[in-house]
Structures are given as C-alpha cells and as structure tokens.
Amino acid sequence: MSTSHPDDILIRDESIRLGQLLKLANLAEDGLEAKAFIEHGAVNVNGEVETRRGRQVRHGDVVELDGHAIRVVSEAQAN
C-alpha cells in the first residue's frame, strides 16, 4: 500500500482500460510490461488485487503498483 497521497491522472472518457492507464501514468513502459504486472497480481484497484488487463477503471478509482498510487479523475474533478 502506498504511504503517500495518490497522484491524479486525468482521463477524458468515462473509463479507461487498466493496461492503458498503467502506460498513461508511466507505471509501465508498454503493453507487455503492463500485462505482466497485472497477470502477476502486482496491481491493486481500490485496494483489491486485479488480474484483468481489460478491467475498466473509472473516475475516482485508485490504482496501486509497487508503492505508487494514482487516482483516476475527470476534467471536472481536476479543476
């Protein structure tokens, strides 16, 4: 679990796939690395291990990987 406040990651749509989010947040270099992190149970979504790369992550969800936490926000939440 991250000991710091999550960083906000802005998305323009209602949701984003977990693998895409990891790349957008620079937590994974590419899709293969994102897939490996997810399949090995290294990624938590809202405090629970997530093993589906295609999982839809929505505004307000918190994703954690290797001590880094990110919170998905919309433009309205960021302003």
N, C-alpha and C. Protein backbone atom coordinates (compact mmCIF):
# COMPACT_ATOMS: atom_id res chain seq x y z
N MET A 1 0.83 -1.18 0.00
CA MET A 1 0.00 0.00 0.00
C MET A 1 0.87 1.24 0.00
N SER A 2 0.43 2.24 -0.73
CA SER A 2 1.19 3.48 -0.83
C SER A 2 1.07 4.27 0.46
N THR A 3 2.18 4.88 0.86
CA THR A 3 2.16 5.67 2.08
C THR A 3 1.89 7.14 1.79
N SER A 4 1.85 7.52 0.51
CA SER A 4 1.59 8.91 0.14
C SER A 4 0.21 9.04 -0.48
N HIS A 5 -0.19 10.29 -0.65
CA HIS A 5 -1.46 10.60 -1.30
C HIS A 5 -1.37 10.20 -2.78
N PRO A 6 -2.45 9.63 -3.34
CA PRO A 6 -2.36 9.24 -4.76
C PRO A 6 -2.22 10.45 -5.69
N ASP A 7 -1.49 10.24 -6.77
CA ASP A 7 -1.38 11.26 -7.82
C ASP A 7 -2.62 11.17 -8.70
N ASP A 8 -3.14 12.31 -9.13
CA ASP A 8 -4.30 12.32 -10.02
C ASP A 8 -3.86 12.13 -11.46
N ILE A 9 -4.59 11.27 -12.17
CA ILE A 9 -4.38 11.04 -13.60
C ILE A 9 -5.67 11.42 -14.31
N LEU A 10 -5.58 12.39 -15.20
CA LEU A 10 -6.74 12.90 -15.90
C LEU A 10 -7.05 12.03 -17.13
N ILE A 11 -8.32 11.60 -17.24
CA ILE A 11 -8.77 10.91 -18.45
C ILE A 11 -9.96 11.68 -19.01
N ARG A 12 -10.12 11.64 -20.33
CA ARG A 12 -11.19 12.42 -20.96
C ARG A 12 -12.49 11.65 -21.10
N ASP A 13 -12.43 10.31 -21.09
CA ASP A 13 -13.63 9.49 -21.24
C ASP A 13 -14.14 9.04 -19.88
N GLU A 14 -15.24 8.31 -19.89
CA GLU A 14 -15.83 7.80 -18.65
C GLU A 14 -14.95 6.76 -17.97
N SER A 15 -14.19 6.01 -18.79
CA SER A 15 -13.36 4.94 -18.24
C SER A 15 -12.16 4.71 -19.14
N ILE A 16 -11.22 3.90 -18.62
CA ILE A 16 -10.03 3.54 -19.36
C ILE A 16 -9.65 2.12 -18.95
N ARG A 17 -9.09 1.35 -19.86
CA ARG A 17 -8.65 0.00 -19.51
C ARG A 17 -7.43 0.09 -18.60
N LEU A 18 -7.35 -0.85 -17.68
CA LEU A 18 -6.28 -0.85 -16.69
C LEU A 18 -4.90 -0.83 -17.33
N GLY A 19 -4.68 -1.65 -18.34
CA GLY A 19 -3.38 -1.68 -19.01
C GLY A 19 -3.02 -0.34 -19.63
N GLN A 20 -4.01 0.32 -20.23
CA GLN A 20 -3.78 1.63 -20.83
C GLN A 20 -3.47 2.67 -19.77
N LEU A 21 -4.14 2.57 -18.63
CA LEU A 21 -3.90 3.52 -17.54
C LEU A 21 -2.48 3.40 -17.00
N LEU A 22 -1.99 2.18 -16.86
CA LEU A 22 -0.63 1.99 -16.37
C LEU A 22 0.39 2.65 -17.31
N LYS A 23 0.14 2.56 -18.61
CA LYS A 23 1.03 3.21 -19.57
C LYS A 23 0.89 4.74 -19.50
N LEU A 24 -0.34 5.23 -19.43
CA LEU A 24 -0.59 6.66 -19.36
C LEU A 24 0.08 7.28 -18.14
N ALA A 25 0.07 6.57 -17.03
CA ALA A 25 0.64 7.07 -15.78
C ALA A 25 2.14 6.81 -15.68
N ASN A 26 2.73 6.25 -16.74
CA ASN A 26 4.15 5.91 -16.76
C ASN A 26 4.56 4.91 -15.67
N LEU A 27 3.63 4.04 -15.32
CA LEU A 27 3.94 2.96 -14.38
C LEU A 27 4.39 1.71 -15.13
N ALA A 28 4.10 1.67 -16.43
CA ALA A 28 4.55 0.59 -17.31
C ALA A 28 5.06 1.22 -18.59
N GLU A 29 6.16 0.67 -19.12
CA GLU A 29 6.75 1.22 -20.34
C GLU A 29 5.92 0.91 -21.58
N ASP A 30 5.28 -0.25 -21.59
CA ASP A 30 4.50 -0.66 -22.75
C ASP A 30 3.43 -1.65 -22.33
N GLY A 31 2.65 -2.10 -23.31
CA GLY A 31 1.56 -3.02 -23.02
C GLY A 31 2.02 -4.36 -22.47
N LEU A 32 3.17 -4.85 -22.94
CA LEU A 32 3.68 -6.13 -22.43
C LEU A 32 4.05 -6.04 -20.95
N GLU A 33 4.68 -4.94 -20.58
CA GLU A 33 5.04 -4.76 -19.17
C GLU A 33 3.78 -4.61 -18.31
N ALA A 34 2.80 -3.85 -18.79
CA ALA A 34 1.54 -3.69 -18.06
C ALA A 34 0.86 -5.03 -17.87
N LYS A 35 0.83 -5.82 -18.94
CA LYS A 35 0.21 -7.15 -18.88
C LYS A 35 0.90 -8.03 -17.83
N ALA A 36 2.22 -8.01 -17.81
CA ALA A 36 2.97 -8.82 -16.85
C ALA A 36 2.67 -8.39 -15.41
N PHE A 37 2.67 -7.09 -15.15
CA PHE A 37 2.36 -6.60 -13.80
C PHE A 37 0.99 -7.09 -13.35
N ILE A 38 0.01 -6.95 -14.25
CA ILE A 38 -1.37 -7.30 -13.92
C ILE A 38 -1.51 -8.81 -13.72
N GLU A 39 -0.98 -9.59 -14.65
CA GLU A 39 -1.11 -11.05 -14.55
C GLU A 39 -0.42 -11.63 -13.32
N HIS A 40 0.62 -10.97 -12.84
CA HIS A 40 1.35 -11.46 -11.66
C HIS A 40 0.77 -10.93 -10.35
N GLY A 41 -0.36 -10.24 -10.42
CA GLY A 41 -1.05 -9.78 -9.22
C GLY A 41 -0.38 -8.62 -8.53
N ALA A 42 0.40 -7.82 -9.27
CA ALA A 42 1.12 -6.70 -8.67
C ALA A 42 0.30 -5.41 -8.64
N VAL A 43 -0.90 -5.43 -9.24
CA VAL A 43 -1.71 -4.22 -9.36
C VAL A 43 -2.97 -4.35 -8.49
N ASN A 44 -3.22 -3.31 -7.70
CA ASN A 44 -4.44 -3.23 -6.90
C ASN A 44 -5.34 -2.14 -7.46
N VAL A 45 -6.63 -2.41 -7.50
CA VAL A 45 -7.62 -1.40 -7.86
C VAL A 45 -8.56 -1.27 -6.67
N ASN A 46 -8.61 -0.09 -6.10
CA ASN A 46 -9.44 0.17 -4.92
C ASN A 46 -9.16 -0.83 -3.80
N GLY A 47 -7.87 -1.15 -3.61
CA GLY A 47 -7.45 -1.99 -2.50
C GLY A 47 -7.52 -3.49 -2.74
N GLU A 48 -7.95 -3.91 -3.93
CA GLU A 48 -8.06 -5.33 -4.24
C GLU A 48 -7.19 -5.69 -5.44
N VAL A 49 -6.56 -6.86 -5.39
CA VAL A 49 -5.72 -7.32 -6.50
C VAL A 49 -6.59 -7.48 -7.75
N GLU A 50 -6.09 -6.97 -8.86
CA GLU A 50 -6.81 -7.07 -10.13
C GLU A 50 -5.91 -7.77 -11.15
N THR A 51 -6.42 -8.83 -11.77
CA THR A 51 -5.64 -9.60 -12.74
C THR A 51 -6.20 -9.51 -14.16
N ARG A 52 -7.15 -8.62 -14.39
CA ARG A 52 -7.73 -8.45 -15.73
C ARG A 52 -7.20 -7.16 -16.35
N ARG A 53 -6.42 -7.30 -17.40
CA ARG A 53 -5.83 -6.14 -18.08
C ARG A 53 -6.90 -5.25 -18.67
N GLY A 54 -8.00 -5.82 -19.11
CA GLY A 54 -9.08 -5.06 -19.72
C GLY A 54 -10.06 -4.46 -18.75
N ARG A 55 -9.81 -4.59 -17.47
CA ARG A 55 -10.70 -4.03 -16.44
C ARG A 55 -10.90 -2.54 -16.72
N GLN A 56 -12.14 -2.11 -16.72
CA GLN A 56 -12.46 -0.71 -16.93
C GLN A 56 -12.28 0.04 -15.60
N VAL A 57 -11.41 1.02 -15.61
CA VAL A 57 -11.15 1.85 -14.44
C VAL A 57 -11.88 3.17 -14.66
N ARG A 58 -12.60 3.61 -13.66
CA ARG A 58 -13.47 4.79 -13.79
C ARG A 58 -13.02 5.91 -12.86
N HIS A 59 -13.61 7.09 -13.07
CA HIS A 59 -13.30 8.26 -12.24
C HIS A 59 -13.45 7.90 -10.76
N GLY A 60 -12.47 8.28 -9.96
CA GLY A 60 -12.49 8.03 -8.53
C GLY A 60 -11.77 6.76 -8.11
N ASP A 61 -11.52 5.84 -9.06
CA ASP A 61 -10.81 4.60 -8.73
C ASP A 61 -9.35 4.91 -8.41
N VAL A 62 -8.79 4.16 -7.47
CA VAL A 62 -7.38 4.30 -7.10
C VAL A 62 -6.66 3.02 -7.48
N VAL A 63 -5.59 3.17 -8.24
CA VAL A 63 -4.79 2.05 -8.73
C VAL A 63 -3.41 2.14 -8.08
N GLU A 64 -2.93 1.01 -7.56
CA GLU A 64 -1.62 0.98 -6.91
C GLU A 64 -0.74 -0.07 -7.57
N LEU A 65 0.54 0.30 -7.72
CA LEU A 65 1.55 -0.60 -8.26
C LEU A 65 2.89 -0.23 -7.63
N ASP A 66 3.50 -1.17 -6.98
CA ASP A 66 4.86 -1.00 -6.45
C ASP A 66 5.01 0.26 -5.61
N GLY A 67 4.05 0.51 -4.73
CA GLY A 67 4.13 1.66 -3.83
C GLY A 67 3.68 2.97 -4.43
N HIS A 68 3.29 2.98 -5.69
CA HIS A 68 2.80 4.19 -6.34
C HIS A 68 1.29 4.09 -6.48
N ALA A 69 0.59 5.14 -6.07
CA ALA A 69 -0.87 5.16 -6.16
C ALA A 69 -1.30 6.29 -7.08
N ILE A 70 -2.28 5.99 -7.93
CA ILE A 70 -2.85 7.00 -8.81
C ILE A 70 -4.36 6.96 -8.69
N ARG A 71 -4.98 8.13 -8.79
CA ARG A 71 -6.43 8.23 -8.74
C ARG A 71 -6.91 8.77 -10.08
N VAL A 72 -7.89 8.10 -10.66
CA VAL A 72 -8.43 8.49 -11.96
C VAL A 72 -9.42 9.63 -11.75
N VAL A 73 -9.22 10.73 -12.49
CA VAL A 73 -10.11 11.89 -12.36
C VAL A 73 -10.54 12.37 -13.74
N SER A 74 -11.70 13.04 -13.76
CA SER A 74 -12.18 13.68 -14.98
C SER A 74 -11.72 15.13 -14.99
N GLU A 75 -11.92 15.82 -16.10
CA GLU A 75 -11.55 17.24 -16.17
C GLU A 75 -12.27 18.06 -15.10
N ALA A 76 -13.53 17.74 -14.84
CA ALA A 76 -14.30 18.48 -13.84
C ALA A 76 -13.71 18.31 -12.45
N GLN A 77 -13.23 17.11 -12.12
CA GLN A 77 -12.63 16.85 -10.82
C GLN A 77 -11.27 17.54 -10.68
N ALA A 78 -10.56 17.68 -11.80
CA ALA A 78 -9.23 18.28 -11.77
C ALA A 78 -9.27 19.79 -11.58
N ASN A 79 -10.38 20.42 -11.95
CA ASN A 79 -10.49 21.89 -11.84
C ASN A 79 -10.98 22.31 -10.50
